[in-house]
Amino acid sequence: MSTTRKLTMAGAIAEAIDQEMQRDPDVFVMGEDIGKYGGIFGATGGLLAKHGKDRIMDTPISETGFIGAAIGAAVVLVREVMPRVWERVPDARVLLIGHLQVFLLTQQAEAL
């Protein structure tokens, strides 16, 4: 009997986020259409029902706002997963040069 299983990339991402959210109650996810609609490609599918709206947060289109909220959360040691906003992180790093180190994970559909 094989222990190998097949997952889509979106399914693997959703499973990894779910595992981390189970492990650490400070992890949350915010982004556009990630709750009710399960995010782009379904990468957050099922997480809203499992973890609730306090940890899976749909947001308006405002990437700059995401970064500010994520950095603020990271400063107080809350773990946040944030889809598709990596391009704004360098702006925040310039403002915080040498003063603060934070954990921030972003996820995007674009290839570099």
Protein backbone atom coordinates (compact mmCIF):
# COMPACT_ATOMS: atom_id res chain seq x y z
CA MET A 1 0.00 0.00 0.00
CA SER A 2 1.44 3.33 -1.07
CA THR A 3 1.68 6.28 1.32
CA THR A 4 2.08 8.71 -1.56
CA ARG A 5 -0.81 11.06 -2.24
CA LYS A 6 -1.46 13.65 -4.90
CA LEU A 7 -2.36 17.25 -4.13
CA THR A 8 -2.81 20.29 -6.30
CA MET A 9 -0.48 23.17 -5.53
CA ALA A 10 -3.42 25.12 -4.08
CA GLY A 11 -4.41 22.13 -1.96
CA ALA A 12 -0.87 21.77 -0.63
CA ILE A 13 -0.74 25.50 0.22
CA ALA A 14 -4.10 25.37 2.00
CA GLU A 15 -2.99 22.27 3.93
CA ALA A 16 0.31 23.87 4.95
CA ILE A 17 -1.44 27.05 6.14
CA ASP A 18 -3.99 24.94 8.02
CA GLN A 19 -1.25 22.92 9.75
CA GLU A 20 0.56 26.08 10.82
CA MET A 21 -2.68 27.65 12.06
CA GLN A 22 -3.37 24.54 14.14
CA ARG A 23 0.17 24.61 15.54
CA ASP A 24 0.25 28.32 16.37
CA PRO A 25 -2.88 30.23 17.43
CA ASP A 26 -1.17 33.53 16.51
CA VAL A 27 -1.13 32.72 12.78
CA PHE A 28 -3.76 34.47 10.67
CA VAL A 29 -4.34 35.08 6.97
CA MET A 30 -5.64 38.23 5.32
CA GLY A 31 -6.13 39.18 1.70
CA GLU A 32 -8.57 39.77 -1.11
CA ASP A 33 -11.29 37.10 -1.50
CA ILE A 34 -9.45 34.55 0.65
CA GLY A 35 -12.30 33.75 3.02
CA LYS A 36 -15.64 33.15 1.39
CA TYR A 37 -14.15 32.45 -2.05
CA GLY A 38 -11.09 30.48 -0.91
CA GLY A 39 -8.60 32.80 -2.55
CA ILE A 40 -7.11 32.77 -6.00
CA PHE A 41 -6.79 29.16 -7.21
CA GLY A 42 -8.44 27.94 -3.98
CA ALA A 43 -5.25 28.24 -1.94
CA THR A 44 -7.22 29.12 1.22
CA GLY A 45 -10.24 26.94 0.53
CA GLY A 46 -11.94 25.59 3.65
CA LEU A 47 -9.87 27.66 6.07
CA LEU A 48 -12.62 30.19 6.87
CA ALA A 49 -15.01 27.44 7.98
CA LYS A 50 -12.31 25.78 10.06
CA HIS A 51 -10.61 28.80 11.67
CA GLY A 52 -13.25 31.54 11.55
CA LYS A 53 -13.34 35.15 10.42
CA ASP A 54 -10.99 36.35 13.17
CA ARG A 55 -8.12 34.37 11.63
CA ILE A 56 -9.14 34.27 7.93
CA MET A 57 -9.84 37.89 6.97
CA ASP A 58 -11.11 39.17 3.65
CA THR A 59 -9.80 42.66 2.96
CA PRO A 60 -10.51 45.41 0.45
CA ILE A 61 -8.04 46.03 -2.36
CA SER A 62 -5.29 47.91 -0.53
CA GLU A 63 -1.85 46.35 -0.73
CA THR A 64 -0.25 49.20 1.20
CA GLY A 65 -2.78 48.65 3.97
CA PHE A 66 -1.96 44.92 4.03
CA ILE A 67 1.72 45.62 4.52
CA GLY A 68 1.08 48.11 7.32
CA ALA A 69 -1.27 45.72 9.10
CA ALA A 70 1.11 42.79 8.62
CA ILE A 71 4.10 44.70 9.96
CA GLY A 72 2.05 45.92 12.91
CA ALA A 73 0.96 42.35 13.65
CA ALA A 74 4.51 41.06 13.29
CA VAL A 75 5.76 43.72 15.71
CA VAL A 76 3.48 42.29 18.39
CA LEU A 77 4.54 38.74 17.40
CA VAL A 78 1.39 37.68 15.58
CA ARG A 79 2.14 35.45 12.56
CA GLU A 80 0.46 36.55 9.36
CA VAL A 81 0.24 35.05 5.88
CA MET A 82 -0.51 37.66 3.27
CA PRO A 83 -1.21 36.85 -0.37
CA ARG A 84 0.26 38.90 -3.24
CA VAL A 85 1.75 41.95 -1.58
CA TRP A 86 5.47 41.26 -1.65
CA GLU A 87 6.18 44.36 -3.74
CA ARG A 88 5.40 46.72 -0.82
CA VAL A 89 7.76 45.11 1.73
CA PRO A 90 10.89 47.00 0.55
CA ASP A 91 9.15 50.33 1.28
CA ALA A 92 8.58 49.25 4.88
CA ARG A 93 12.15 47.99 5.24
CA VAL A 94 13.48 51.42 4.27
CA LEU A 95 11.45 53.00 7.08
CA LEU A 96 12.63 50.47 9.68
CA ILE A 97 16.32 50.21 8.77
CA GLY A 98 18.13 48.49 11.61
CA HIS A 99 15.42 49.21 14.16
CA LEU A 100 13.26 46.15 13.98
CA GLN A 101 13.22 42.59 12.69
CA VAL A 102 9.86 40.94 12.07
CA PHE A 103 8.53 37.67 10.64
CA LEU A 104 6.36 38.18 7.56
CA LEU A 105 5.29 35.58 5.00
CA THR A 106 3.77 36.68 1.70
CA GLN A 107 2.27 34.55 -1.03
CA GLN A 108 1.72 35.62 -4.62
CA ALA A 109 0.50 34.14 -7.86
CA GLU A 110 3.02 36.05 -9.98
CA ALA A 111 6.35 34.59 -11.04
CA LEU A 112 9.48 36.66 -10.70
